[in-house]
PDB file of N, CA and C in Angstrom:
ATOM      1  N   HIS A   1     -10.215 -56.653 -27.477  1.00  0.00           N
ATOM      2  CA  HIS A   1     -10.012 -55.248 -27.204  1.00  0.00           C
ATOM      3  C   HIS A   1      -8.549 -54.910 -27.444  1.00  0.00           C
ATOM      4  N   PRO A   2      -8.275 -53.718 -27.876  1.00  0.00           N
ATOM      5  CA  PRO A   2      -6.883 -53.305 -28.063  1.00  0.00           C
ATOM      6  C   PRO A   2      -6.238 -52.946 -26.718  1.00  0.00           C
ATOM      7  N   MET A   3      -4.939 -53.196 -26.623  1.00  0.00           N
ATOM      8  CA  MET A   3      -4.194 -52.867 -25.415  1.00  0.00           C
ATOM      9  C   MET A   3      -2.814 -52.359 -25.831  1.00  0.00           C
ATOM     10  N   TYR A   4      -2.369 -51.312 -25.188  1.00  0.00           N
ATOM     11  CA  TYR A   4      -1.034 -50.790 -25.454  1.00  0.00           C
ATOM     12  C   TYR A   4      -0.101 -51.355 -24.390  1.00  0.00           C
ATOM     13  N   VAL A   5       0.935 -52.084 -24.830  1.00  0.00           N
ATOM     14  CA  VAL A   5       1.868 -52.724 -23.902  1.00  0.00           C
ATOM     15  C   VAL A   5       3.249 -52.785 -24.547  1.00  0.00           C
ATOM     16  N   ASN A   6       4.285 -52.620 -23.769  1.00  0.00           N
ATOM     17  CA  ASN A   6       5.664 -52.701 -24.270  1.00  0.00           C
ATOM     18  C   ASN A   6       5.885 -51.882 -25.541  1.00  0.00           C
ATOM     19  N   MET A   7       5.334 -50.696 -25.561  1.00  0.00           N
ATOM     20  CA  MET A   7       5.509 -49.727 -26.656  1.00  0.00           C
ATOM     21  C   MET A   7       4.893 -50.163 -27.987  1.00  0.00           C
ATOM     22  N   HIS A   8       3.831 -50.972 -27.949  1.00  0.00           N
ATOM     23  CA  HIS A   8       3.122 -51.315 -29.183  1.00  0.00           C
ATOM     24  C   HIS A   8       1.672 -51.680 -28.857  1.00  0.00           C
ATOM     25  N   LEU A   9       0.842 -51.673 -29.883  1.00  0.00           N
ATOM     26  CA  LEU A   9      -0.569 -52.017 -29.746  1.00  0.00           C
ATOM     27  C   LEU A   9      -0.743 -53.517 -29.939  1.00  0.00           C
ATOM     28  N   LYS A  10      -1.563 -54.128 -29.103  1.00  0.00           N
ATOM     29  CA  LYS A  10      -1.805 -55.573 -29.156  1.00  0.00           C
ATOM     30  C   LYS A  10      -3.305 -55.809 -29.079  1.00  0.00           C
ATOM     31  N   GLU A  11      -3.814 -56.732 -29.884  1.00  0.00           N
ATOM     32  CA  GLU A  11      -5.228 -57.092 -29.848  1.00  0.00           C
ATOM     33  C   GLU A  11      -5.401 -58.265 -28.881  1.00  0.00           C
ATOM     34  N   ILE A  12      -6.245 -58.071 -27.873  1.00  0.00           N
ATOM     35  CA  ILE A  12      -6.481 -59.097 -26.861  1.00  0.00           C
ATOM     36  C   ILE A  12      -7.831 -59.748 -27.126  1.00  0.00           C
ATOM     37  N   TYR A  13      -7.803 -61.056 -27.301  1.00  0.00           N
ATOM     38  CA  TYR A  13      -9.021 -61.828 -27.533  1.00  0.00           C
ATOM     39  C   TYR A  13      -9.416 -62.556 -26.255  1.00  0.00           C
ATOM     40  N   ALA A  14     -10.714 -62.749 -26.064  1.00  0.00           N
ATOM     41  CA  ALA A  14     -11.216 -63.463 -24.892  1.00  0.00           C
ATOM     42  C   ALA A  14     -10.701 -64.897 -24.885  1.00  0.00           C
ATOM     43  N   VAL A  15     -10.453 -65.415 -23.698  1.00  0.00           N
ATOM     44  CA  VAL A  15     -10.011 -66.801 -23.525  1.00  0.00           C
ATOM     45  C   VAL A  15     -11.099 -67.534 -22.752  1.00  0.00           C
ATOM     46  N   SER A  16     -11.586 -68.632 -23.316  1.00  0.00           N
ATOM     47  CA  SER A  16     -12.638 -69.413 -22.678  1.00  0.00           C
ATOM     48  C   SER A  16     -12.313 -70.893 -22.803  1.00  0.00           C
ATOM     49  N   PHE A  17     -12.551 -71.626 -21.748  1.00  0.00           N
ATOM     50  CA  PHE A  17     -12.308 -73.066 -21.763  1.00  0.00           C
ATOM     51  C   PHE A  17     -13.597 -73.865 -21.681  1.00  0.00           C
ATOM     52  N   GLY A  18     -14.719 -73.189 -21.617  1.00  0.00           N
ATOM     53  CA  GLY A  18     -15.989 -73.902 -21.563  1.00  0.00           C
ATOM     54  C   GLY A  18     -17.139 -72.957 -21.301  1.00  0.00           C
ATOM     55  N   ASP A  19     -18.323 -73.535 -21.225  1.00  0.00           N
ATOM     56  CA  ASP A  19     -19.556 -72.785 -20.997  1.00  0.00           C
ATOM     57  C   ASP A  19     -20.296 -73.451 -19.843  1.00  0.00           C
ATOM     58  N   LEU A  20     -20.333 -72.801 -18.706  1.00  0.00           N
ATOM     59  CA  LEU A  20     -20.952 -73.389 -17.522  1.00  0.00           C
ATOM     60  C   LEU A  20     -22.467 -73.481 -17.625  1.00  0.00           C
ATOM     61  N   LYS A  21     -23.042 -72.913 -18.671  1.00  0.00           N
ATOM     62  CA  LYS A  21     -24.470 -73.114 -18.929  1.00  0.00           C
ATOM     63  C   LYS A  21     -24.710 -74.482 -19.557  1.00  0.00           C
ATOM     64  N   LYS A  22     -23.661 -75.043 -20.167  1.00  0.00           N
ATOM     65  CA  LYS A  22     -23.791 -76.321 -20.876  1.00  0.00           C
ATOM     66  C   LYS A  22     -22.939 -77.430 -20.270  1.00  0.00           C
ATOM     67  N   GLU A  23     -21.957 -77.068 -19.432  1.00  0.00           N
ATOM     68  CA  GLU A  23     -21.020 -78.036 -18.860  1.00  0.00           C
ATOM     69  C   GLU A  23     -20.887 -77.804 -17.365  1.00  0.00           C
ATOM     70  N   THR A  24     -20.490 -78.845 -16.664  1.00  0.00           N
ATOM     71  CA  THR A  24     -20.232 -78.690 -15.232  1.00  0.00           C
ATOM     72  C   THR A  24     -18.834 -78.099 -15.037  1.00  0.00           C
ATOM     73  N   VAL A  25     -18.588 -77.589 -13.846  1.00  0.00           N
ATOM     74  CA  VAL A  25     -17.259 -77.066 -13.521  1.00  0.00           C
ATOM     75  C   VAL A  25     -16.228 -78.186 -13.667  1.00  0.00           C
ATOM     76  N   LYS A  26     -16.578 -79.379 -13.229  1.00  0.00           N
ATOM     77  CA  LYS A  26     -15.664 -80.523 -13.321  1.00  0.00           C
ATOM     78  C   LYS A  26     -15.317 -80.842 -14.774  1.00  0.00           C
ATOM     79  N   GLU A  27     -16.297 -80.789 -15.669  1.00  0.00           N
ATOM     80  CA  GLU A  27     -16.039 -81.059 -17.086  1.00  0.00           C
ATOM     81  C   GLU A  27     -15.084 -80.025 -17.675  1.00  0.00           C
ATOM     82  N   VAL A  28     -15.312 -78.768 -17.365  1.00  0.00           N
ATOM     83  CA  VAL A  28     -14.427 -77.709 -17.869  1.00  0.00           C
ATOM     84  C   VAL A  28     -13.037 -77.879 -17.263  1.00  0.00           C
ATOM     85  N   TRP A  29     -12.966 -78.122 -15.961  1.00  0.00           N
ATOM     86  CA  TRP A  29     -11.692 -78.275 -15.260  1.00  0.00           C
ATOM     87  C   TRP A  29     -10.854 -79.406 -15.852  1.00  0.00           C
ATOM     88  N   ASN A  30     -11.509 -80.473 -16.276  1.00  0.00           N
ATOM     89  CA  ASN A  30     -10.806 -81.649 -16.783  1.00  0.00           C
ATOM     90  C   ASN A  30     -10.556 -81.646 -18.286  1.00  0.00           C
ATOM     91  N   LYS A  31     -10.933 -80.599 -18.980  1.00  0.00           N
ATOM     92  CA  LYS A  31     -10.646 -80.511 -20.415  1.00  0.00           C
ATOM     93  C   LYS A  31      -9.139 -80.457 -20.627  1.00  0.00           C
ATOM     94  N   GLU A  32      -8.665 -81.143 -21.661  1.00  0.00           N
ATOM     95  CA  GLU A  32      -7.231 -81.172 -21.952  1.00  0.00           C
ATOM     96  C   GLU A  32      -6.665 -79.768 -22.168  1.00  0.00           C
ATOM     97  N   SER A  33      -7.420 -78.913 -22.858  1.00  0.00           N
ATOM     98  CA  SER A  33      -6.922 -77.558 -23.126  1.00  0.00           C
ATOM     99  C   SER A  33      -6.724 -76.770 -21.826  1.00  0.00           C
ATOM    100  N   TYR A  34      -7.629 -76.945 -20.867  1.00  0.00           N
ATOM    101  CA  TYR A  34      -7.499 -76.228 -19.601  1.00  0.00           C
ATOM    102  C   TYR A  34      -6.417 -76.860 -18.723  1.00  0.00           C
ATOM    103  N   LYS A  35      -6.274 -78.182 -18.778  1.00  0.00           N
ATOM    104  CA  LYS A  35      -5.192 -78.848 -18.043  1.00  0.00           C
ATOM    105  C   LYS A  35      -3.834 -78.339 -18.526  1.00  0.00           C
ATOM    106  N   ARG A  36      -3.681 -78.254 -19.836  1.00  0.00           N
ATOM    107  CA  ARG A  36      -2.413 -77.774 -20.407  1.00  0.00           C
ATOM    108  C   ARG A  36      -2.159 -76.322 -19.995  1.00  0.00           C
ATOM    109  N   PHE A  37      -3.202 -75.496 -20.063  1.00  0.00           N
ATOM    110  CA  PHE A  37      -3.102 -74.096 -19.662  1.00  0.00           C
ATOM    111  C   PHE A  37      -2.596 -73.987 -18.222  1.00  0.00           C
ATOM    112  N   ARG A  38      -3.182 -74.748 -17.320  1.00  0.00           N
ATOM    113  CA  ARG A  38      -2.776 -74.708 -15.906  1.00  0.00           C
ATOM    114  C   ARG A  38      -1.356 -75.230 -15.713  1.00  0.00           C
ATOM    115  N   GLU A  39      -1.022 -76.311 -16.412  1.00  0.00           N
ATOM    116  CA  GLU A  39       0.312 -76.909 -16.259  1.00  0.00           C
ATOM    117  C   GLU A  39       1.415 -75.940 -16.685  1.00  0.00           C
ATOM    118  N   ILE A  40       1.237 -75.291 -17.812  1.00  0.00           N
ATOM    119  CA  ILE A  40       2.231 -74.329 -18.304  1.00  0.00           C
ATOM    120  C   ILE A  40       2.410 -73.189 -17.307  1.00  0.00           C
ATOM    121  N   ARG A  41       1.328 -72.754 -16.699  1.00  0.00           N
ATOM    122  CA  ARG A  41       1.382 -71.606 -15.803  1.00  0.00           C
ATOM    123  C   ARG A  41       1.868 -71.937 -14.395  1.00  0.00           C
ATOM    124  N   ARG A  42       2.081 -73.202 -14.105  1.00  0.00           N
ATOM    125  CA  ARG A  42       2.645 -73.567 -12.794  1.00  0.00           C
ATOM    126  C   ARG A  42       4.064 -73.034 -12.633  1.00  0.00           C
ATOM    127  N   ASN A  43       4.766 -72.910 -13.754  1.00  0.00           N
ATOM    128  CA  ASN A  43       6.122 -72.354 -13.723  1.00  0.00           C
ATOM    129  C   ASN A  43       6.224 -71.325 -14.850  1.00  0.00           C
ATOM    130  N   MET A  44       5.594 -70.196 -14.644  1.00  0.00           N
ATOM    131  CA  MET A  44       5.516 -69.169 -15.685  1.00  0.00           C
ATOM    132  C   MET A  44       6.879 -68.670 -16.131  1.00  0.00           C
ATOM    133  N   VAL A  45       7.797 -68.520 -15.210  1.00  0.00           N
ATOM    134  CA  VAL A  45       9.111 -67.977 -15.554  1.00  0.00           C
ATOM    135  C   VAL A  45       9.819 -68.867 -16.578  1.00  0.00           C
ATOM    136  N   GLU A  46       9.687 -70.164 -16.447  1.00  0.00           N
ATOM    137  CA  GLU A  46      10.332 -71.105 -17.370  1.00  0.00           C
ATOM    138  C   GLU A  46       9.523 -71.339 -18.645  1.00  0.00           C
ATOM    139  N   ASN A  47       8.198 -71.316 -18.543  1.00  0.00           N
ATOM    140  CA  ASN A  47       7.343 -71.754 -19.647  1.00  0.00           C
ATOM    141  C   ASN A  47       6.742 -70.648 -20.504  1.00  0.00           C
ATOM    142  N   ILE A  48       6.832 -69.414 -20.053  1.00  0.00           N
ATOM    143  CA  ILE A  48       6.213 -68.311 -20.790  1.00  0.00           C
ATOM    144  C   ILE A  48       7.253 -67.221 -21.029  1.00  0.00           C
ATOM    145  N   PRO A  49       7.481 -66.875 -22.292  1.00  0.00           N
ATOM    146  CA  PRO A  49       8.458 -65.820 -22.588  1.00  0.00           C
ATOM    147  C   PRO A  49       7.914 -64.449 -22.181  1.00  0.00           C
ATOM    148  N   TRP A  50       8.783 -63.558 -21.780  1.00  0.00           N
ATOM    149  CA  TRP A  50       8.385 -62.179 -21.466  1.00  0.00           C
ATOM    150  C   TRP A  50       8.896 -61.276 -22.574  1.00  0.00           C
ATOM    151  N   CYS A  51       7.988 -60.746 -23.366  1.00  0.00           N
ATOM    152  CA  CYS A  51       8.365 -59.934 -24.528  1.00  0.00           C
ATOM    153  C   CYS A  51       8.996 -58.595 -24.154  1.00  0.00           C
ATOM    154  N   GLY A  52       8.779 -58.147 -22.930  1.00  0.00           N
ATOM    155  CA  GLY A  52       9.362 -56.882 -22.514  1.00  0.00           C
ATOM    156  C   GLY A  52      10.884 -56.875 -22.559  1.00  0.00           C
ATOM    157  N   ASP A  53      11.495 -58.045 -22.489  1.00  0.00           N
ATOM    158  CA  ASP A  53      12.955 -58.166 -22.551  1.00  0.00           C
ATOM    159  C   ASP A  53      13.468 -58.466 -23.953  1.00  0.00           C
ATOM    160  N   CYS A  54      12.577 -58.632 -24.902  1.00  0.00           N
ATOM    161  CA  CYS A  54      12.967 -59.036 -26.258  1.00  0.00           C
ATOM    162  C   CYS A  54      12.977 -57.827 -27.198  1.00  0.00           C
ATOM    163  N   PRO A  55      14.071 -57.596 -27.915  1.00  0.00           N
ATOM    164  CA  PRO A  55      14.133 -56.438 -28.815  1.00  0.00           C
ATOM    165  C   PRO A  55      13.136 -56.516 -29.971  1.00  0.00           C
ATOM    166  N   TYR A  56      12.685 -57.709 -30.317  1.00  0.00           N
ATOM    167  CA  TYR A  56      11.754 -57.860 -31.439  1.00  0.00           C
ATOM    168  C   TYR A  56      10.328 -57.423 -31.100  1.00  0.00           C
ATOM    169  N   SER A  57      10.003 -57.328 -29.817  1.00  0.00           N
ATOM    170  CA  SER A  57       8.632 -56.969 -29.437  1.00  0.00           C
ATOM    171  C   SER A  57       8.236 -55.579 -29.925  1.00  0.00           C
ATOM    172  N   THR A  58       9.187 -54.683 -30.042  1.00  0.00           N
ATOM    173  CA  THR A  58       8.881 -53.333 -30.530  1.00  0.00           C
ATOM    174  C   THR A  58       9.151 -53.186 -32.024  1.00  0.00           C
ATOM    175  N   LEU A  59       9.570 -54.271 -32.663  1.00  0.00           N
ATOM    176  CA  LEU A  59       9.891 -54.229 -34.094  1.00  0.00           C
ATOM    177  C   LEU A  59       8.873 -54.982 -34.950  1.00  0.00           C
ATOM    178  N   GLY A  60       7.685 -55.210 -34.408  1.00  0.00           N
ATOM    179  CA  GLY A  60       6.626 -55.848 -35.184  1.00  0.00           C
ATOM    180  C   GLY A  60       6.636 -57.363 -35.160  1.00  0.00           C
ATOM    181  N   CYS A  61       7.164 -57.962 -34.116  1.00  0.00           N
ATOM    182  CA  CYS A  61       7.174 -59.421 -33.996  1.00  0.00           C
ATOM    183  C   CYS A  61       5.755 -59.970 -34.130  1.00  0.00           C
ATOM    184  N   PHE A  62       5.604 -61.028 -34.903  1.00  0.00           N
ATOM    185  CA  PHE A  62       4.305 -61.669 -35.130  1.00  0.00           C
ATOM    186  C   PHE A  62       3.604 -62.031 -33.821  1.00  0.00           C
ATOM    187  N   TYR A  63       4.342 -62.526 -32.843  1.00  0.00           N
ATOM    188  CA  TYR A  63       3.753 -63.019 -31.600  1.00  0.00           C
ATOM    189  C   TYR A  63       3.284 -61.914 -30.660  1.00  0.00           C
ATOM    190  N   THR A  64       3.605 -60.675 -30.970  1.00  0.00           N
ATOM    191  CA  THR A  64       3.162 -59.583 -30.104  1.00  0.00           C
ATOM    192  C   THR A  64       1.915 -58.882 -30.641  1.00  0.00           C
ATOM    193  N   LYS A  65       1.401 -59.308 -31.768  1.00  0.00           N
ATOM    194  CA  LYS A  65       0.236 -58.641 -32.361  1.00  0.00           C
ATOM    195  C   LYS A  65      -1.073 -59.007 -31.667  1.00  0.00           C
ATOM    196  N   THR A  66      -1.183 -60.250 -31.154  1.00  0.00           N
ATOM    197  CA  THR A  66      -2.381 -60.702 -30.436  1.00  0.00           C
ATOM    198  C   THR A  66      -1.961 -61.594 -29.270  1.00  0.00           C
ATOM    199  N   ASN A  67      -2.935 -62.013 -28.483  1.00  0.00           N
ATOM    200  CA  ASN A  67      -2.669 -62.961 -27.395  1.00  0.00           C
ATOM    201  C   ASN A  67      -3.005 -64.398 -27.802  1.00  0.00           C
ATOM    202  N   GLU A  68      -3.114 -64.671 -29.099  1.00  0.00           N
ATOM    203  CA  GLU A  68      -3.486 -66.013 -29.555  1.00  0.00           C
ATOM    204  C   GLU A  68      -2.392 -67.055 -29.316  1.00  0.00           C
ATOM    205  N   MET A  69      -1.115 -66.666 -29.432  1.00  0.00           N
ATOM    206  CA  MET A  69      -0.016 -67.611 -29.276  1.00  0.00           C
ATOM    207  C   MET A  69       1.275 -66.838 -29.013  1.00  0.00           C
ATOM    208  N   ASP A  70       2.184 -67.453 -28.245  1.00  0.00           N
ATOM    209  CA  ASP A  70       3.483 -66.818 -28.024  1.00  0.00           C
ATOM    210  C   ASP A  70       4.577 -67.566 -28.788  1.00  0.00           C
ATOM    211  N   CYS A  71       5.808 -67.105 -28.681  1.00  0.00           N
ATOM    212  CA  CYS A  71       6.907 -67.707 -29.447  1.00  0.00           C
ATOM    213  C   CYS A  71       7.341 -69.065 -28.907  1.00  0.00           C
ATOM    214  N   TYR A  72       6.768 -69.507 -27.778  1.00  0.00           N
ATOM    215  CA  TYR A  72       6.988 -70.873 -27.290  1.00  0.00           C
ATOM    216  C   TYR A  72       5.847 -71.779 -27.758  1.00  0.00           C
ATOM    217  N   ILE A  73       4.955 -71.229 -28.579  1.00  0.00           N
ATOM    218  CA  ILE A  73       3.779 -71.900 -29.139  1.00  0.00           C
ATOM    219  C   ILE A  73       2.728 -72.199 -28.068  1.00  0.00           C
ATOM    220  N   ASN A  74       2.709 -71.468 -26.973  1.00  0.00           N
ATOM    221  CA  ASN A  74       1.651 -71.577 -25.973  1.00  0.00           C
ATOM    222  C   ASN A  74       0.408 -70.892 -26.512  1.00  0.00           C
ATOM    223  N   LYS A  75      -0.739 -71.521 -26.341  1.00  0.00           N
ATOM    224  CA  LYS A  75      -2.021 -70.941 -26.750  1.00  0.00           C
ATOM    225  C   LYS A  75      -2.955 -70.969 -25.552  1.00  0.00           C
ATOM    226  N   PRO A  76      -3.473 -69.852 -25.111  1.00  0.00           N
ATOM    227  CA  PRO A  76      -3.222 -68.492 -25.571  1.00  0.00           C
ATOM    228  C   PRO A  76      -1.844 -68.017 -25.118  1.00  0.00           C
ATOM    229  N   GLY A  77      -1.396 -66.967 -25.742  1.00  0.00           N
ATOM    230  CA  GLY A  77      -0.099 -66.394 -25.396  1.00  0.00           C
ATOM    231  C   GLY A  77      -0.232 -65.414 -24.244  1.00  0.00           C
ATOM    232  N   CYS A  78       0.511 -65.655 -23.203  1.00  0.00           N
ATOM    233  CA  CYS A  78       0.513 -64.764 -22.033  1.00  0.00           C
ATOM    234  C   CYS A  78       1.839 -64.017 -21.934  1.00  0.00           C
ATOM    235  N   ASN A  79       2.516 -63.895 -23.053  1.00  0.00           N
ATOM    236  CA  ASN A  79       3.875 -63.381 -23.093  1.00  0.00           C
ATOM    237  C   ASN A  79       4.018 -61.904 -22.748  1.00  0.00           C
ATOM    238  N   GLU A  80       2.957 -61.153 -22.733  1.00  0.00           N
ATOM    239  CA  GLU A  80       3.054 -59.748 -22.330  1.00  0.00           C
ATOM    240  C   GLU A  80       2.052 -59.428 -21.228  1.00  0.00           C
ATOM    241  N   CYS A  81       1.635 -60.442 -20.534  1.00  0.00           N
ATOM    242  CA  CYS A  81       0.682 -60.277 -19.449  1.00  0.00           C
ATOM    243  C   CYS A  81       1.443 -60.042 -18.144  1.00  0.00           C
ATOM    244  N   ILE A  82       0.975 -59.113 -17.343  1.00  0.00           N
ATOM    245  CA  ILE A  82       1.664 -58.824 -16.079  1.00  0.00           C
ATOM    246  C   ILE A  82       1.696 -60.036 -15.158  1.00  0.00           C
ATOM    247  N   TYR A  83       0.772 -60.967 -15.340  1.00  0.00           N
ATOM    248  CA  TYR A  83       0.769 -62.174 -14.513  1.00  0.00           C
ATOM    249  C   TYR A  83       1.959 -63.074 -14.834  1.00  0.00           C
ATOM    250  N   SER A  84       2.415 -63.056 -16.085  1.00  0.00           N
ATOM    251  CA  SER A  84       3.497 -63.963 -16.483  1.00  0.00           C
ATOM    252  C   SER A  84       4.845 -63.594 -15.870  1.00  0.00           C
ATOM    253  N   VAL A  85       4.962 -62.408 -15.327  1.00  0.00           N
ATOM    254  CA  VAL A  85       6.201 -62.012 -14.641  1.00  0.00           C
ATOM    255  C   VAL A  85       5.956 -61.792 -13.148  1.00  0.00           C
ATOM    256  N   ASN A  86       4.878 -62.408 -12.667  1.00  0.00           N
ATOM    257  CA  ASN A  86       4.523 -62.406 -11.245  1.00  0.00           C
ATOM    258  C   ASN A  86       4.304 -61.018 -10.654  1.00  0.00           C
ATOM    259  N   LEU A  87       3.822 -60.076 -11.463  1.00  0.00           N
ATOM    260  CA  LEU A  87       3.453 -58.761 -10.929  1.00  0.00           C
ATOM    261  C   LEU A  87       2.083 -58.819 -10.264  1.00  0.00           C
ATOM    262  N   ALA A  88       1.303 -59.846 -10.623  1.00  0.00           N
ATOM    263  CA  ALA A  88      -0.019 -60.066 -10.050  1.00  0.00           C
ATOM    264  C   ALA A  88      -0.345 -61.547 -10.186  1.00  0.00           C
ATOM    265  N   GLN A  89      -1.390 -62.012  -9.513  1.00  0.00           N
ATOM    266  CA  GLN A  89      -1.783 -63.421  -9.567  1.00  0.00           C
ATOM    267  C   GLN A  89      -2.947 -63.591 -10.535  1.00  0.00           C
ATOM    268  N   CYS A  90      -2.782 -64.477 -11.523  1.00  0.00           N
ATOM    269  CA  CYS A  90      -3.826 -64.736 -12.515  1.00  0.00           C
ATOM    270  C   CYS A  90      -4.936 -65.574 -11.889  1.00  0.00           C
ATOM    271  N   ASN A  91      -6.181 -65.215 -12.113  1.00  0.00           N
ATOM    272  CA  ASN A  91      -7.318 -65.927 -11.538  1.00  0.00           C
ATOM    273  C   ASN A  91      -7.868 -67.026 -12.428  1.00  0.00           C
ATOM    274  N   ILE A  92      -7.366 -67.139 -13.664  1.00  0.00           N
ATOM    275  CA  ILE A  92      -7.906 -68.180 -14.554  1.00  0.00           C
ATOM    276  C   ILE A  92      -7.386 -69.462 -14.048  1.00  0.00           C
TER     277      ILE A  92
END
């Protein structure tokens, strides 16, 4: 879905780490991709860039076009998410 943030349009894609119809919660929880996701988010301020402070975010920066990856190479990119600056608590 499209989202307007930091004075530009961004395409937001769904993020999924598994399918509970086919896997147990434990299997999804222990996937390397989900472990990495959780580890990076333990210290969001250090591990996730905030594009709102970057002058390139309004100048067409590649990393602000979607949530697929940020400029720290985190996948998915949470660089313009309100959770990454502790405005709210992420439930993923």
